[in-house]
Amino acid sequence: MSTKSVLRRPATKPAARSVALTDRIAMRLGMALVIWSRRTRTKRLPVDPLVAHQLRQERAAREAEWVMLGATMHLWR
């Protein structure tokens, strides 16, 4: 039996660390820019149907590849 388990202190929650002022300012500025950019854009950008179709096909191919990889790993075990 290890003596480490006997001598170990009980687990305590780590002290809450404060966030630096510069980080808080950067986060607020970033959120303000995101909100501003969404409010100023009145309509969504047009999407090219051919590009959207190509992206869907590429995603489906990647998903199929992952399924095949998962199946082969399962069979390999």
PDB file of N, CA and C in Angstrom:
ATOM      1  N   MET A   1       0.841  -1.181   0.000  1.00  0.00           N
ATOM      2  CA  MET A   1       0.000   0.000   0.000  1.00  0.00           C
ATOM      3  C   MET A   1       0.886   1.245   0.000  1.00  0.00           C
ATOM      4  N   SER A   2       0.525   2.182  -0.806  1.00  0.00           N
ATOM      5  CA  SER A   2       1.318   3.391  -0.929  1.00  0.00           C
ATOM      6  C   SER A   2       1.028   4.335   0.234  1.00  0.00           C
ATOM      7  N   THR A   3       2.055   4.994   0.695  1.00  0.00           N
ATOM      8  CA  THR A   3       1.853   5.969   1.772  1.00  0.00           C
ATOM      9  C   THR A   3       1.411   7.322   1.225  1.00  0.00           C
ATOM     10  N   LYS A   4       1.475   7.491  -0.098  1.00  0.00           N
ATOM     11  CA  LYS A   4       1.056   8.760  -0.680  1.00  0.00           C
ATOM     12  C   LYS A   4      -0.430   9.020  -0.427  1.00  0.00           C
ATOM     13  N   SER A   5      -1.241   7.960  -0.507  1.00  0.00           N
ATOM     14  CA  SER A   5      -2.664   8.155  -0.294  1.00  0.00           C
ATOM     15  C   SER A   5      -2.959   8.547   1.144  1.00  0.00           C
ATOM     16  N   VAL A   6      -2.103   8.134   2.067  1.00  0.00           N
ATOM     17  CA  VAL A   6      -2.319   8.458   3.475  1.00  0.00           C
ATOM     18  C   VAL A   6      -1.871   9.893   3.758  1.00  0.00           C
ATOM     19  N   LEU A   7      -0.799  10.324   3.108  1.00  0.00           N
ATOM     20  CA  LEU A   7      -0.235  11.631   3.394  1.00  0.00           C
ATOM     21  C   LEU A   7      -0.805  12.748   2.521  1.00  0.00           C
ATOM     22  N   ARG A   8      -1.601  12.393   1.541  1.00  0.00           N
ATOM     23  CA  ARG A   8      -2.120  13.389   0.604  1.00  0.00           C
ATOM     24  C   ARG A   8      -3.142  14.283   1.300  1.00  0.00           C
ATOM     25  N   ARG A   9      -3.079  15.570   1.037  1.00  0.00           N
ATOM     26  CA  ARG A   9      -4.064  16.500   1.581  1.00  0.00           C
ATOM     27  C   ARG A   9      -5.403  16.298   0.907  1.00  0.00           C
ATOM     28  N   PRO A  10      -6.495  16.630   1.577  1.00  0.00           N
ATOM     29  CA  PRO A  10      -7.804  16.519   0.922  1.00  0.00           C
ATOM     30  C   PRO A  10      -7.903  17.512  -0.231  1.00  0.00           C
ATOM     31  N   ALA A  11      -8.623  17.127  -1.241  1.00  0.00           N
ATOM     32  CA  ALA A  11      -8.750  17.967  -2.434  1.00  0.00           C
ATOM     33  C   ALA A  11      -9.505  19.243  -2.086  1.00  0.00           C
ATOM     34  N   THR A  12      -8.975  20.356  -2.527  1.00  0.00           N
ATOM     35  CA  THR A  12      -9.638  21.634  -2.330  1.00  0.00           C
ATOM     36  C   THR A  12      -9.831  22.293  -3.676  1.00  0.00           C
ATOM     37  N   LYS A  13     -10.823  23.151  -3.734  1.00  0.00           N
ATOM     38  CA  LYS A  13     -11.084  23.857  -4.986  1.00  0.00           C
ATOM     39  C   LYS A  13      -9.993  24.895  -5.210  1.00  0.00           C
ATOM     40  N   PRO A  14      -9.513  25.024  -6.450  1.00  0.00           N
ATOM     41  CA  PRO A  14      -8.478  26.029  -6.717  1.00  0.00           C
ATOM     42  C   PRO A  14      -9.053  27.431  -6.530  1.00  0.00           C
ATOM     43  N   ALA A  15      -8.242  28.331  -6.081  1.00  0.00           N
ATOM     44  CA  ALA A  15      -8.672  29.709  -5.874  1.00  0.00           C
ATOM     45  C   ALA A  15      -9.048  30.346  -7.207  1.00  0.00           C
ATOM     46  N   ALA A  16     -10.103  31.130  -7.184  1.00  0.00           N
ATOM     47  CA  ALA A  16     -10.548  31.808  -8.401  1.00  0.00           C
ATOM     48  C   ALA A  16      -9.503  32.839  -8.808  1.00  0.00           C
ATOM     49  N   ARG A  17      -9.071  32.758 -10.051  1.00  0.00           N
ATOM     50  CA  ARG A  17      -8.070  33.698 -10.547  1.00  0.00           C
ATOM     51  C   ARG A  17      -8.771  34.877 -11.192  1.00  0.00           C
ATOM     52  N   SER A  18      -8.297  36.059 -10.910  1.00  0.00           N
ATOM     53  CA  SER A  18      -8.900  37.238 -11.513  1.00  0.00           C
ATOM     54  C   SER A  18      -8.379  37.392 -12.940  1.00  0.00           C
ATOM     55  N   VAL A  19      -9.212  37.974 -13.772  1.00  0.00           N
ATOM     56  CA  VAL A  19      -8.857  38.187 -15.171  1.00  0.00           C
ATOM     57  C   VAL A  19      -8.219  39.559 -15.288  1.00  0.00           C
ATOM     58  N   ALA A  20      -7.171  39.628 -16.057  1.00  0.00           N
ATOM     59  CA  ALA A  20      -6.451  40.889 -16.219  1.00  0.00           C
ATOM     60  C   ALA A  20      -7.351  41.941 -16.868  1.00  0.00           C
ATOM     61  N   LEU A  21      -7.108  43.180 -16.519  1.00  0.00           N
ATOM     62  CA  LEU A  21      -7.900  44.286 -17.054  1.00  0.00           C
ATOM     63  C   LEU A  21      -7.801  44.349 -18.574  1.00  0.00           C
ATOM     64  N   THR A  22      -6.619  44.136 -19.120  1.00  0.00           N
ATOM     65  CA  THR A  22      -6.468  44.195 -20.584  1.00  0.00           C
ATOM     66  C   THR A  22      -7.272  43.092 -21.265  1.00  0.00           C
ATOM     67  N   ASP A  23      -7.343  41.913 -20.649  1.00  0.00           N
ATOM     68  CA  ASP A  23      -8.139  40.832 -21.225  1.00  0.00           C
ATOM     69  C   ASP A  23      -9.622  41.170 -21.194  1.00  0.00           C
ATOM     70  N   ARG A  24     -10.070  41.770 -20.091  1.00  0.00           N
ATOM     71  CA  ARG A  24     -11.487  42.141 -20.000  1.00  0.00           C
ATOM     72  C   ARG A  24     -11.839  43.212 -21.025  1.00  0.00           C
ATOM     73  N   ILE A  25     -10.943  44.182 -21.214  1.00  0.00           N
ATOM     74  CA  ILE A  25     -11.191  45.234 -22.212  1.00  0.00           C
ATOM     75  C   ILE A  25     -11.222  44.636 -23.611  1.00  0.00           C
ATOM     76  N   ALA A  26     -10.291  43.734 -23.897  1.00  0.00           N
ATOM     77  CA  ALA A  26     -10.244  43.107 -25.225  1.00  0.00           C
ATOM     78  C   ALA A  26     -11.511  42.299 -25.488  1.00  0.00           C
ATOM     79  N   MET A  27     -11.995  41.592 -24.466  1.00  0.00           N
ATOM     80  CA  MET A  27     -13.215  40.796 -24.640  1.00  0.00           C
ATOM     81  C   MET A  27     -14.420  41.691 -24.896  1.00  0.00           C
ATOM     82  N   ARG A  28     -14.534  42.770 -24.150  1.00  0.00           N
ATOM     83  CA  ARG A  28     -15.667  43.682 -24.358  1.00  0.00           C
ATOM     84  C   ARG A  28     -15.595  44.353 -25.721  1.00  0.00           C
ATOM     85  N   LEU A  29     -14.411  44.756 -26.128  1.00  0.00           N
ATOM     86  CA  LEU A  29     -14.253  45.384 -27.435  1.00  0.00           C
ATOM     87  C   LEU A  29     -14.599  44.400 -28.552  1.00  0.00           C
ATOM     88  N   GLY A  30     -14.131  43.169 -28.425  1.00  0.00           N
ATOM     89  CA  GLY A  30     -14.441  42.152 -29.432  1.00  0.00           C
ATOM     90  C   GLY A  30     -15.928  41.877 -29.523  1.00  0.00           C
ATOM     91  N   MET A  31     -16.590  41.747 -28.370  1.00  0.00           N
ATOM     92  CA  MET A  31     -18.038  41.499 -28.381  1.00  0.00           C
ATOM     93  C   MET A  31     -18.785  42.689 -28.971  1.00  0.00           C
ATOM     94  N   ALA A  32     -18.340  43.896 -28.645  1.00  0.00           N
ATOM     95  CA  ALA A  32     -18.985  45.080 -29.201  1.00  0.00           C
ATOM     96  C   ALA A  32     -18.856  45.102 -30.721  1.00  0.00           C
ATOM     97  N   LEU A  33     -17.686  44.725 -31.237  1.00  0.00           N
ATOM     98  CA  LEU A  33     -17.503  44.693 -32.689  1.00  0.00           C
ATOM     99  C   LEU A  33     -18.377  43.635 -33.345  1.00  0.00           C
ATOM    100  N   VAL A  34     -18.503  42.478 -32.708  1.00  0.00           N
ATOM    101  CA  VAL A  34     -19.360  41.425 -33.263  1.00  0.00           C
ATOM    102  C   VAL A  34     -20.800  41.893 -33.313  1.00  0.00           C
ATOM    103  N   ILE A  35     -21.287  42.464 -32.217  1.00  0.00           N
ATOM    104  CA  ILE A  35     -22.674  42.935 -32.168  1.00  0.00           C
ATOM    105  C   ILE A  35     -22.887  44.060 -33.171  1.00  0.00           C
ATOM    106  N   TRP A  36     -21.940  44.995 -33.250  1.00  0.00           N
ATOM    107  CA  TRP A  36     -22.070  46.095 -34.190  1.00  0.00           C
ATOM    108  C   TRP A  36     -22.124  45.586 -35.626  1.00  0.00           C
ATOM    109  N   SER A  37     -21.261  44.631 -35.968  1.00  0.00           N
ATOM    110  CA  SER A  37     -21.226  44.148 -37.347  1.00  0.00           C
ATOM    111  C   SER A  37     -22.515  43.418 -37.707  1.00  0.00           C
ATOM    112  N   ARG A  38     -23.129  42.760 -36.741  1.00  0.00           N
ATOM    113  CA  ARG A  38     -24.394  42.073 -37.038  1.00  0.00           C
ATOM    114  C   ARG A  38     -25.547  43.057 -37.159  1.00  0.00           C
ATOM    115  N   ARG A  39     -25.496  44.146 -36.433  1.00  0.00           N
ATOM    116  CA  ARG A  39     -26.573  45.136 -36.513  1.00  0.00           C
ATOM    117  C   ARG A  39     -26.491  45.949 -37.784  1.00  0.00           C
ATOM    118  N   THR A  40     -25.284  46.216 -38.270  1.00  0.00           N
ATOM    119  CA  THR A  40     -25.143  47.083 -39.436  1.00  0.00           C
ATOM    120  C   THR A  40     -25.401  46.348 -40.745  1.00  0.00           C
ATOM    121  N   ARG A  41     -25.334  45.016 -40.743  1.00  0.00           N
ATOM    122  CA  ARG A  41     -25.592  44.266 -41.968  1.00  0.00           C
ATOM    123  C   ARG A  41     -27.090  43.995 -42.050  1.00  0.00           C
ATOM    124  N   THR A  42     -27.762  44.622 -43.022  1.00  0.00           N
ATOM    125  CA  THR A  42     -29.214  44.504 -43.098  1.00  0.00           C
ATOM    126  C   THR A  42     -29.664  43.207 -43.743  1.00  0.00           C
ATOM    127  N   LYS A  43     -28.901  42.705 -44.691  1.00  0.00           N
ATOM    128  CA  LYS A  43     -29.296  41.437 -45.308  1.00  0.00           C
ATOM    129  C   LYS A  43     -28.082  40.523 -45.416  1.00  0.00           C
ATOM    130  N   ARG A  44     -28.353  39.240 -45.485  1.00  0.00           N
ATOM    131  CA  ARG A  44     -27.275  38.258 -45.560  1.00  0.00           C
ATOM    132  C   ARG A  44     -26.586  38.325 -46.921  1.00  0.00           C
ATOM    133  N   LEU A  45     -25.331  37.953 -46.927  1.00  0.00           N
ATOM    134  CA  LEU A  45     -24.590  37.929 -48.180  1.00  0.00           C
ATOM    135  C   LEU A  45     -25.135  36.821 -49.079  1.00  0.00           C
ATOM    136  N   PRO A  46     -25.138  37.042 -50.397  1.00  0.00           N
ATOM    137  CA  PRO A  46     -25.639  36.003 -51.305  1.00  0.00           C
ATOM    138  C   PRO A  46     -24.710  34.781 -51.304  1.00  0.00           C
ATOM    139  N   VAL A  47     -25.327  33.607 -51.409  1.00  0.00           N
ATOM    140  CA  VAL A  47     -24.568  32.355 -51.434  1.00  0.00           C
ATOM    141  C   VAL A  47     -24.687  31.752 -52.825  1.00  0.00           C
ATOM    142  N   ASP A  48     -23.564  31.425 -53.414  1.00  0.00           N
ATOM    143  CA  ASP A  48     -23.543  30.815 -54.740  1.00  0.00           C
ATOM    144  C   ASP A  48     -24.013  29.368 -54.614  1.00  0.00           C
ATOM    145  N   PRO A  49     -25.079  28.976 -55.313  1.00  0.00           N
ATOM    146  CA  PRO A  49     -25.598  27.606 -55.184  1.00  0.00           C
ATOM    147  C   PRO A  49     -24.574  26.532 -55.571  1.00  0.00           C
ATOM    148  N   LEU A  50     -23.737  26.803 -56.560  1.00  0.00           N
ATOM    149  CA  LEU A  50     -22.746  25.811 -56.980  1.00  0.00           C
ATOM    150  C   LEU A  50     -21.693  25.597 -55.894  1.00  0.00           C
ATOM    151  N   VAL A  51     -21.251  26.684 -55.284  1.00  0.00           N
ATOM    152  CA  VAL A  51     -20.266  26.567 -54.217  1.00  0.00           C
ATOM    153  C   VAL A  51     -20.873  25.858 -53.013  1.00  0.00           C
ATOM    154  N   ALA A  52     -22.131  26.188 -52.692  1.00  0.00           N
ATOM    155  CA  ALA A  52     -22.805  25.536 -51.570  1.00  0.00           C
ATOM    156  C   ALA A  52     -22.947  24.040 -51.820  1.00  0.00           C
ATOM    157  N   HIS A  53     -23.287  23.672 -53.053  1.00  0.00           N
ATOM    158  CA  HIS A  53     -23.418  22.255 -53.397  1.00  0.00           C
ATOM    159  C   HIS A  53     -22.070  21.539 -53.295  1.00  0.00           C
ATOM    160  N   GLN A  54     -21.014  22.186 -53.769  1.00  0.00           N
ATOM    161  CA  GLN A  54     -19.679  21.594 -53.694  1.00  0.00           C
ATOM    162  C   GLN A  54     -19.247  21.405 -52.245  1.00  0.00           C
ATOM    163  N   LEU A  55     -19.519  22.405 -51.397  1.00  0.00           N
ATOM    164  CA  LEU A  55     -19.168  22.279 -49.980  1.00  0.00           C
ATOM    165  C   LEU A  55     -19.936  21.147 -49.309  1.00  0.00           C
ATOM    166  N   ARG A  56     -21.220  21.009 -49.667  1.00  0.00           N
ATOM    167  CA  ARG A  56     -22.015  19.898 -49.110  1.00  0.00           C
ATOM    168  C   ARG A  56     -21.448  18.547 -49.540  1.00  0.00           C
ATOM    169  N   GLN A  57     -21.041  18.440 -50.802  1.00  0.00           N
ATOM    170  CA  GLN A  57     -20.468  17.189 -51.284  1.00  0.00           C
ATOM    171  C   GLN A  57     -19.150  16.876 -50.579  1.00  0.00           C
ATOM    172  N   GLU A  58     -18.312  17.884 -50.400  1.00  0.00           N
ATOM    173  CA  GLU A  58     -17.036  17.665 -49.713  1.00  0.00           C
ATOM    174  C   GLU A  58     -17.266  17.237 -48.265  1.00  0.00           C
ATOM    175  N   ARG A  59     -18.234  17.850 -47.614  1.00  0.00           N
ATOM    176  CA  ARG A  59     -18.536  17.467 -46.228  1.00  0.00           C
ATOM    177  C   ARG A  59     -19.054  16.038 -46.159  1.00  0.00           C
ATOM    178  N   ALA A  60     -19.935  15.673 -47.093  1.00  0.00           N
ATOM    179  CA  ALA A  60     -20.456  14.307 -47.112  1.00  0.00           C
ATOM    180  C   ALA A  60     -19.337  13.299 -47.358  1.00  0.00           C
ATOM    181  N   ALA A  61     -18.396  13.651 -48.231  1.00  0.00           N
ATOM    182  CA  ALA A  61     -17.267  12.755 -48.495  1.00  0.00           C
ATOM    183  C   ALA A  61     -16.401  12.591 -47.251  1.00  0.00           C
ATOM    184  N   ARG A  62     -16.145  13.693 -46.547  1.00  0.00           N
ATOM    185  CA  ARG A  62     -15.354  13.606 -45.310  1.00  0.00           C
ATOM    186  C   ARG A  62     -16.060  12.754 -44.263  1.00  0.00           C
ATOM    187  N   GLU A  63     -17.375  12.944 -44.129  1.00  0.00           N
ATOM    188  CA  GLU A  63     -18.131  12.145 -43.154  1.00  0.00           C
ATOM    189  C   GLU A  63     -18.108  10.670 -43.521  1.00  0.00           C
ATOM    190  N   ALA A  64     -18.233  10.363 -44.813  1.00  0.00           N
ATOM    191  CA  ALA A  64     -18.192   8.968 -45.243  1.00  0.00           C
ATOM    192  C   ALA A  64     -16.816   8.362 -44.972  1.00  0.00           C
ATOM    193  N   GLU A  65     -15.779   9.165 -45.184  1.00  0.00           N
ATOM    194  CA  GLU A  65     -14.425   8.685 -44.908  1.00  0.00           C
ATOM    195  C   GLU A  65     -14.246   8.384 -43.420  1.00  0.00           C
ATOM    196  N   TRP A  66     -14.783   9.251 -42.570  1.00  0.00           N
ATOM    197  CA  TRP A  66     -14.694   9.012 -41.122  1.00  0.00           C
ATOM    198  C   TRP A  66     -15.459   7.763 -40.714  1.00  0.00           C
ATOM    199  N   VAL A  67     -16.636   7.546 -41.341  1.00  0.00           N
ATOM    200  CA  VAL A  67     -17.420   6.346 -41.025  1.00  0.00           C
ATOM    201  C   VAL A  67     -16.650   5.096 -41.426  1.00  0.00           C
ATOM    202  N   MET A  68     -16.053   5.124 -42.599  1.00  0.00           N
ATOM    203  CA  MET A  68     -15.278   3.967 -43.050  1.00  0.00           C
ATOM    204  C   MET A  68     -14.072   3.737 -42.146  1.00  0.00           C
ATOM    205  N   LEU A  69     -13.399   4.808 -41.747  1.00  0.00           N
ATOM    206  CA  LEU A  69     -12.255   4.687 -40.864  1.00  0.00           C
ATOM    207  C   LEU A  69     -12.672   4.102 -39.517  1.00  0.00           C
ATOM    208  N   GLY A  70     -13.798   4.563 -38.995  1.00  0.00           N
ATOM    209  CA  GLY A  70     -14.309   4.046 -37.738  1.00  0.00           C
ATOM    210  C   GLY A  70     -14.672   2.570 -37.843  1.00  0.00           C
ATOM    211  N   ALA A  71     -15.304   2.195 -38.973  1.00  0.00           N
ATOM    212  CA  ALA A  71     -15.681   0.802 -39.156  1.00  0.00           C
ATOM    213  C   ALA A  71     -14.449  -0.093 -39.274  1.00  0.00           C
ATOM    214  N   THR A  72     -13.446   0.374 -40.014  1.00  0.00           N
ATOM    215  CA  THR A  72     -12.247  -0.459 -40.158  1.00  0.00           C
ATOM    216  C   THR A  72     -11.494  -0.573 -38.826  1.00  0.00           C
ATOM    217  N   MET A  73     -11.472   0.493 -38.040  1.00  0.00           N
ATOM    218  CA  MET A  73     -10.840   0.419 -36.731  1.00  0.00           C
ATOM    219  C   MET A  73     -11.591  -0.536 -35.811  1.00  0.00           C
ATOM    220  N   HIS A  74     -12.918  -0.528 -35.943  1.00  0.00           N
ATOM    221  CA  HIS A  74     -13.733  -1.435 -35.132  1.00  0.00           C
ATOM    222  C   HIS A  74     -13.465  -2.889 -35.527  1.00  0.00           C
ATOM    223  N   LEU A  75     -13.368  -3.140 -36.833  1.00  0.00           N
ATOM    224  CA  LEU A  75     -13.105  -4.501 -37.292  1.00  0.00           C
ATOM    225  C   LEU A  75     -11.673  -4.926 -36.953  1.00  0.00           C
ATOM    226  N   TRP A  76     -10.757  -3.980 -36.971  1.00  0.00           N
ATOM    227  CA  TRP A  76      -9.366  -4.282 -36.703  1.00  0.00           C
ATOM    228  C   TRP A  76      -9.175  -4.750 -35.267  1.00  0.00           C
ATOM    229  N   ARG A  77      -9.957  -4.172 -34.352  1.00  0.00           N
ATOM    230  CA  ARG A  77      -9.856  -4.591 -32.959  1.00  0.00           C
ATOM    231  C   ARG A  77     -10.309  -6.013 -32.849  1.00  0.00           C
TER     232      ARG A  77
END
